[in-house]
Amino acid sequence: RVVNPASRRVLEKCAFQWCGAGLCRVKALAASVPVDRFLLDRRTWVSLRAWAASALPSGMRAH
């Protein structure tokens, strides 16, 4: 789980959306630990990528 509220805000500002909580097996601990699950769908990612590219000056855009 995101126990650091600042980390959660960073994820949300990057367009990740909380989609639930669950358990994740950690081999090193030989146990399951609680986790928050976040999702960034492809449509949102593509949209943000296009927006960011259009905001850059033409000389700085990736080719």
PDB file of N, CA and C in Angstrom:
ATOM      1  N   ARG A   1       0.829  -1.188   0.000  1.00  0.00           N
ATOM      2  CA  ARG A   1       0.000   0.000   0.000  1.00  0.00           C
ATOM      3  C   ARG A   1       0.862   1.236   0.000  1.00  0.00           C
ATOM      4  N   VAL A   2       0.323   2.298  -0.538  1.00  0.00           N
ATOM      5  CA  VAL A   2       1.048   3.566  -0.519  1.00  0.00           C
ATOM      6  C   VAL A   2       0.864   4.179   0.863  1.00  0.00           C
ATOM      7  N   VAL A   3       1.891   4.065   1.690  1.00  0.00           N
ATOM      8  CA  VAL A   3       1.810   4.613   3.035  1.00  0.00           C
ATOM      9  C   VAL A   3       2.345   6.038   3.071  1.00  0.00           C
ATOM     10  N   ASN A   4       2.925   6.472   1.973  1.00  0.00           N
ATOM     11  CA  ASN A   4       3.449   7.822   1.863  1.00  0.00           C
ATOM     12  C   ASN A   4       2.484   8.630   0.993  1.00  0.00           C
ATOM     13  N   PRO A   5       1.726   9.550   1.576  1.00  0.00           N
ATOM     14  CA  PRO A   5       0.751  10.319   0.793  1.00  0.00           C
ATOM     15  C   PRO A   5       1.383  11.094  -0.365  1.00  0.00           C
ATOM     16  N   ALA A   6       2.626  11.542  -0.201  1.00  0.00           N
ATOM     17  CA  ALA A   6       3.292  12.271  -1.282  1.00  0.00           C
ATOM     18  C   ALA A   6       3.518  11.355  -2.486  1.00  0.00           C
ATOM     19  N   SER A   7       3.864  10.103  -2.240  1.00  0.00           N
ATOM     20  CA  SER A   7       4.052   9.147  -3.339  1.00  0.00           C
ATOM     21  C   SER A   7       2.745   8.906  -4.079  1.00  0.00           C
ATOM     22  N   ARG A   8       1.669   8.816  -3.328  1.00  0.00           N
ATOM     23  CA  ARG A   8       0.355   8.613  -3.953  1.00  0.00           C
ATOM     24  C   ARG A   8      -0.008   9.810  -4.831  1.00  0.00           C
ATOM     25  N   ARG A   9       0.280  11.028  -4.346  1.00  0.00           N
ATOM     26  CA  ARG A   9      -0.008  12.232  -5.139  1.00  0.00           C
ATOM     27  C   ARG A   9       0.802  12.249  -6.427  1.00  0.00           C
ATOM     28  N   VAL A  10       2.056  11.814  -6.362  1.00  0.00           N
ATOM     29  CA  VAL A  10       2.883  11.761  -7.575  1.00  0.00           C
ATOM     30  C   VAL A  10       2.250  10.817  -8.588  1.00  0.00           C
ATOM     31  N   LEU A  11       1.834   9.645  -8.151  1.00  0.00           N
ATOM     32  CA  LEU A  11       1.179   8.697  -9.057  1.00  0.00           C
ATOM     33  C   LEU A  11      -0.073   9.312  -9.674  1.00  0.00           C
ATOM     34  N   GLU A  12      -0.885   9.963  -8.850  1.00  0.00           N
ATOM     35  CA  GLU A  12      -2.130  10.547  -9.350  1.00  0.00           C
ATOM     36  C   GLU A  12      -1.867  11.716 -10.293  1.00  0.00           C
ATOM     37  N   LYS A  13      -0.845  12.530 -10.021  1.00  0.00           N
ATOM     38  CA  LYS A  13      -0.503  13.639 -10.919  1.00  0.00           C
ATOM     39  C   LYS A  13       0.034  13.125 -12.251  1.00  0.00           C
ATOM     40  N   CYS A  14       0.572  11.917 -12.258  1.00  0.00           N
ATOM     41  CA  CYS A  14       1.066  11.300 -13.495  1.00  0.00           C
ATOM     42  C   CYS A  14      -0.036  10.517 -14.203  1.00  0.00           C
ATOM     43  N   ALA A  15      -1.279  10.712 -13.785  1.00  0.00           N
ATOM     44  CA  ALA A  15      -2.484  10.155 -14.414  1.00  0.00           C
ATOM     45  C   ALA A  15      -2.774   8.702 -14.054  1.00  0.00           C
ATOM     46  N   PHE A  16      -2.030   8.136 -13.102  1.00  0.00           N
ATOM     47  CA  PHE A  16      -2.378   6.794 -12.636  1.00  0.00           C
ATOM     48  C   PHE A  16      -3.645   6.894 -11.800  1.00  0.00           C
ATOM     49  N   GLN A  17      -4.507   5.900 -11.923  1.00  0.00           N
ATOM     50  CA  GLN A  17      -5.749   5.875 -11.161  1.00  0.00           C
ATOM     51  C   GLN A  17      -5.746   4.668 -10.236  1.00  0.00           C
ATOM     52  N   TRP A  18      -6.140   4.911  -8.987  1.00  0.00           N
ATOM     53  CA  TRP A  18      -6.226   3.824  -8.019  1.00  0.00           C
ATOM     54  C   TRP A  18      -7.327   2.882  -8.467  1.00  0.00           C
ATOM     55  N   CYS A  19      -7.040   1.597  -8.503  1.00  0.00           N
ATOM     56  CA  CYS A  19      -8.055   0.641  -8.971  1.00  0.00           C
ATOM     57  C   CYS A  19      -8.321  -0.463  -7.953  1.00  0.00           C
ATOM     58  N   GLY A  20      -7.772  -0.336  -6.755  1.00  0.00           N
ATOM     59  CA  GLY A  20      -8.091  -1.305  -5.723  1.00  0.00           C
ATOM     60  C   GLY A  20      -6.900  -1.664  -4.853  1.00  0.00           C
ATOM     61  N   ALA A  21      -7.185  -2.464  -3.864  1.00  0.00           N
ATOM     62  CA  ALA A  21      -6.154  -2.948  -2.950  1.00  0.00           C
ATOM     63  C   ALA A  21      -6.118  -4.466  -3.041  1.00  0.00           C
ATOM     64  N   GLY A  22      -5.001  -5.037  -2.674  1.00  0.00           N
ATOM     65  CA  GLY A  22      -4.886  -6.486  -2.717  1.00  0.00           C
ATOM     66  C   GLY A  22      -3.671  -6.953  -1.954  1.00  0.00           C
ATOM     67  N   LEU A  23      -3.289  -8.178  -2.206  1.00  0.00           N
ATOM     68  CA  LEU A  23      -2.104  -8.761  -1.594  1.00  0.00           C
ATOM     69  C   LEU A  23      -1.135  -9.167  -2.693  1.00  0.00           C
ATOM     70  N   CYS A  24       0.142  -9.006  -2.409  1.00  0.00           N
ATOM     71  CA  CYS A  24       1.183  -9.385  -3.364  1.00  0.00           C
ATOM     72  C   CYS A  24       2.199 -10.251  -2.622  1.00  0.00           C
ATOM     73  N   ARG A  25       2.538 -11.369  -3.212  1.00  0.00           N
ATOM     74  CA  ARG A  25       3.487 -12.299  -2.591  1.00  0.00           C
ATOM     75  C   ARG A  25       4.904 -11.757  -2.750  1.00  0.00           C
ATOM     76  N   VAL A  26       5.651 -11.710  -1.655  1.00  0.00           N
ATOM     77  CA  VAL A  26       7.041 -11.256  -1.664  1.00  0.00           C
ATOM     78  C   VAL A  26       7.903 -12.432  -1.229  1.00  0.00           C
ATOM     79  N   LYS A  27       8.676 -12.961  -2.174  1.00  0.00           N
ATOM     80  CA  LYS A  27       9.497 -14.143  -1.880  1.00  0.00           C
ATOM     81  C   LYS A  27      10.506 -13.877  -0.768  1.00  0.00           C
ATOM     82  N   ALA A  28      11.121 -12.692  -0.779  1.00  0.00           N
ATOM     83  CA  ALA A  28      12.143 -12.386   0.221  1.00  0.00           C
ATOM     84  C   ALA A  28      11.588 -12.412   1.641  1.00  0.00           C
ATOM     85  N   LEU A  29      10.309 -12.089   1.775  1.00  0.00           N
ATOM     86  CA  LEU A  29       9.684 -12.107   3.099  1.00  0.00           C
ATOM     87  C   LEU A  29       8.940 -13.402   3.363  1.00  0.00           C
ATOM     88  N   ALA A  30       8.796 -14.218   2.332  1.00  0.00           N
ATOM     89  CA  ALA A  30       8.000 -15.445   2.419  1.00  0.00           C
ATOM     90  C   ALA A  30       6.613 -15.138   2.978  1.00  0.00           C
ATOM     91  N   ALA A  31       6.050 -14.043   2.465  1.00  0.00           N
ATOM     92  CA  ALA A  31       4.738 -13.612   2.959  1.00  0.00           C
ATOM     93  C   ALA A  31       4.036 -12.783   1.892  1.00  0.00           C
ATOM     94  N   SER A  32       2.768 -12.575   2.102  1.00  0.00           N
ATOM     95  CA  SER A  32       2.002 -11.666   1.258  1.00  0.00           C
ATOM     96  C   SER A  32       1.894 -10.326   1.972  1.00  0.00           C
ATOM     97  N   VAL A  33       2.014  -9.260   1.211  1.00  0.00           N
ATOM     98  CA  VAL A  33       1.932  -7.918   1.792  1.00  0.00           C
ATOM     99  C   VAL A  33       0.803  -7.149   1.115  1.00  0.00           C
ATOM    100  N   PRO A  34       0.169  -6.223   1.839  1.00  0.00           N
ATOM    101  CA  PRO A  34      -0.905  -5.438   1.238  1.00  0.00           C
ATOM    102  C   PRO A  34      -0.337  -4.433   0.239  1.00  0.00           C
ATOM    103  N   VAL A  35      -1.030  -4.266  -0.872  1.00  0.00           N
ATOM    104  CA  VAL A  35      -0.607  -3.319  -1.906  1.00  0.00           C
ATOM    105  C   VAL A  35      -1.818  -2.531  -2.404  1.00  0.00           C
ATOM    106  N   ASP A  36      -1.555  -1.325  -2.871  1.00  0.00           N
ATOM    107  CA  ASP A  36      -2.548  -0.552  -3.608  1.00  0.00           C
ATOM    108  C   ASP A  36      -2.214  -0.729  -5.075  1.00  0.00           C
ATOM    109  N   ARG A  37      -3.221  -0.911  -5.891  1.00  0.00           N
ATOM    110  CA  ARG A  37      -3.006  -1.105  -7.325  1.00  0.00           C
ATOM    111  C   ARG A  37      -3.417   0.160  -8.070  1.00  0.00           C
ATOM    112  N   PHE A  38      -2.542   0.584  -8.977  1.00  0.00           N
ATOM    113  CA  PHE A  38      -2.797   1.761  -9.794  1.00  0.00           C
ATOM    114  C   PHE A  38      -2.736   1.358 -11.255  1.00  0.00           C
ATOM    115  N   LEU A  39      -3.483   2.072 -12.080  1.00  0.00           N
ATOM    116  CA  LEU A  39      -3.592   1.747 -13.499  1.00  0.00           C
ATOM    117  C   LEU A  39      -3.402   3.010 -14.324  1.00  0.00           C
ATOM    118  N   LEU A  40      -2.649   2.899 -15.399  1.00  0.00           N
ATOM    119  CA  LEU A  40      -2.539   3.963 -16.394  1.00  0.00           C
ATOM    120  C   LEU A  40      -2.949   3.334 -17.713  1.00  0.00           C
ATOM    121  N   ASP A  41      -4.141   3.684 -18.190  1.00  0.00           N
ATOM    122  CA  ASP A  41      -4.595   3.042 -19.424  1.00  0.00           C
ATOM    123  C   ASP A  41      -3.894   3.661 -20.632  1.00  0.00           C
ATOM    124  N   ARG A  42      -3.802   2.881 -21.682  1.00  0.00           N
ATOM    125  CA  ARG A  42      -3.048   3.287 -22.866  1.00  0.00           C
ATOM    126  C   ARG A  42      -3.588   4.567 -23.489  1.00  0.00           C
ATOM    127  N   ARG A  43      -4.891   4.729 -23.547  1.00  0.00           N
ATOM    128  CA  ARG A  43      -5.484   5.926 -24.158  1.00  0.00           C
ATOM    129  C   ARG A  43      -5.015   7.192 -23.425  1.00  0.00           C
ATOM    130  N   THR A  44      -5.005   7.139 -22.107  1.00  0.00           N
ATOM    131  CA  THR A  44      -4.544   8.287 -21.318  1.00  0.00           C
ATOM    132  C   THR A  44      -3.065   8.533 -21.559  1.00  0.00           C
ATOM    133  N   TRP A  45      -2.265   7.474 -21.569  1.00  0.00           N
ATOM    134  CA  TRP A  45      -0.824   7.607 -21.787  1.00  0.00           C
ATOM    135  C   TRP A  45      -0.536   8.230 -23.152  1.00  0.00           C
ATOM    136  N   VAL A  46      -1.214   7.754 -24.196  1.00  0.00           N
ATOM    137  CA  VAL A  46      -1.008   8.289 -25.545  1.00  0.00           C
ATOM    138  C   VAL A  46      -1.397   9.764 -25.584  1.00  0.00           C
ATOM    139  N   SER A  47      -2.506  10.099 -24.967  1.00  0.00           N
ATOM    140  CA  SER A  47      -2.972  11.480 -24.939  1.00  0.00           C
ATOM    141  C   SER A  47      -1.970  12.393 -24.233  1.00  0.00           C
ATOM    142  N   LEU A  48      -1.471  11.964 -23.080  1.00  0.00           N
ATOM    143  CA  LEU A  48      -0.494  12.763 -22.347  1.00  0.00           C
ATOM    144  C   LEU A  48       0.817  12.890 -23.113  1.00  0.00           C
ATOM    145  N   ARG A  49       1.213  11.832 -23.769  1.00  0.00           N
ATOM    146  CA  ARG A  49       2.458  11.864 -24.548  1.00  0.00           C
ATOM    147  C   ARG A  49       2.342  12.854 -25.705  1.00  0.00           C
ATOM    148  N   ALA A  50       1.211  12.843 -26.401  1.00  0.00           N
ATOM    149  CA  ALA A  50       0.998  13.779 -27.508  1.00  0.00           C
ATOM    150  C   ALA A  50       0.955  15.211 -26.993  1.00  0.00           C
ATOM    151  N   TRP A  51       0.290  15.416 -25.862  1.00  0.00           N
ATOM    152  CA  TRP A  51       0.194  16.755 -25.283  1.00  0.00           C
ATOM    153  C   TRP A  51       1.580  17.264 -24.896  1.00  0.00           C
ATOM    154  N   ALA A  52       2.389  16.426 -24.265  1.00  0.00           N
ATOM    155  CA  ALA A  52       3.729  16.830 -23.842  1.00  0.00           C
ATOM    156  C   ALA A  52       4.602  17.158 -25.045  1.00  0.00           C
ATOM    157  N   ALA A  53       4.499  16.372 -26.102  1.00  0.00           N
ATOM    158  CA  ALA A  53       5.305  16.618 -27.301  1.00  0.00           C
ATOM    159  C   ALA A  53       4.920  17.944 -27.945  1.00  0.00           C
ATOM    160  N   SER A  54       3.645  18.284 -27.940  1.00  0.00           N
ATOM    161  CA  SER A  54       3.209  19.534 -28.565  1.00  0.00           C
ATOM    162  C   SER A  54       3.599  20.741 -27.718  1.00  0.00           C
ATOM    163  N   ALA A  55       3.870  20.544 -26.439  1.00  0.00           N
ATOM    164  CA  ALA A  55       4.233  21.644 -25.551  1.00  0.00           C
ATOM    165  C   ALA A  55       5.715  22.001 -25.647  1.00  0.00           C
ATOM    166  N   LEU A  56       6.528  21.099 -26.179  1.00  0.00           N
ATOM    167  CA  LEU A  56       7.964  21.353 -26.303  1.00  0.00           C
ATOM    168  C   LEU A  56       8.257  22.239 -27.507  1.00  0.00           C
ATOM    169  N   PRO A  57       9.287  23.088 -27.406  1.00  0.00           N
ATOM    170  CA  PRO A  57       9.728  23.833 -28.594  1.00  0.00           C
ATOM    171  C   PRO A  57      10.162  22.849 -29.675  1.00  0.00           C
ATOM    172  N   SER A  58      10.007  23.226 -30.932  1.00  0.00           N
ATOM    173  CA  SER A  58      10.258  22.293 -32.041  1.00  0.00           C
ATOM    174  C   SER A  58      11.670  21.719 -32.036  1.00  0.00           C
ATOM    175  N   GLY A  59      12.660  22.438 -31.569  1.00  0.00           N
ATOM    176  CA  GLY A  59      14.028  21.937 -31.539  1.00  0.00           C
ATOM    177  C   GLY A  59      14.273  20.892 -30.467  1.00  0.00           C
ATOM    178  N   MET A  60      13.346  20.743 -29.530  1.00  0.00           N
ATOM    179  CA  MET A  60      13.535  19.810 -28.418  1.00  0.00           C
ATOM    180  C   MET A  60      12.705  18.552 -28.559  1.00  0.00           C
ATOM    181  N   ARG A  61      11.894  18.449 -29.583  1.00  0.00           N
ATOM    182  CA  ARG A  61      11.015  17.286 -29.745  1.00  0.00           C
ATOM    183  C   ARG A  61      11.813  16.052 -30.142  1.00  0.00           C
ATOM    184  N   ALA A  62      11.378  14.914 -29.629  1.00  0.00           N
ATOM    185  CA  ALA A  62      12.017  13.636 -29.984  1.00  0.00           C
ATOM    186  C   ALA A  62      11.688  13.297 -31.428  1.00  0.00           C
ATOM    187  N   HIS A  63      12.622  12.670 -32.095  1.00  0.00           N
ATOM    188  CA  HIS A  63      12.414  12.316 -33.514  1.00  0.00           C
ATOM    189  C   HIS A  63      11.966  10.899 -33.640  1.00  0.00           C
TER     190      HIS A  63
END
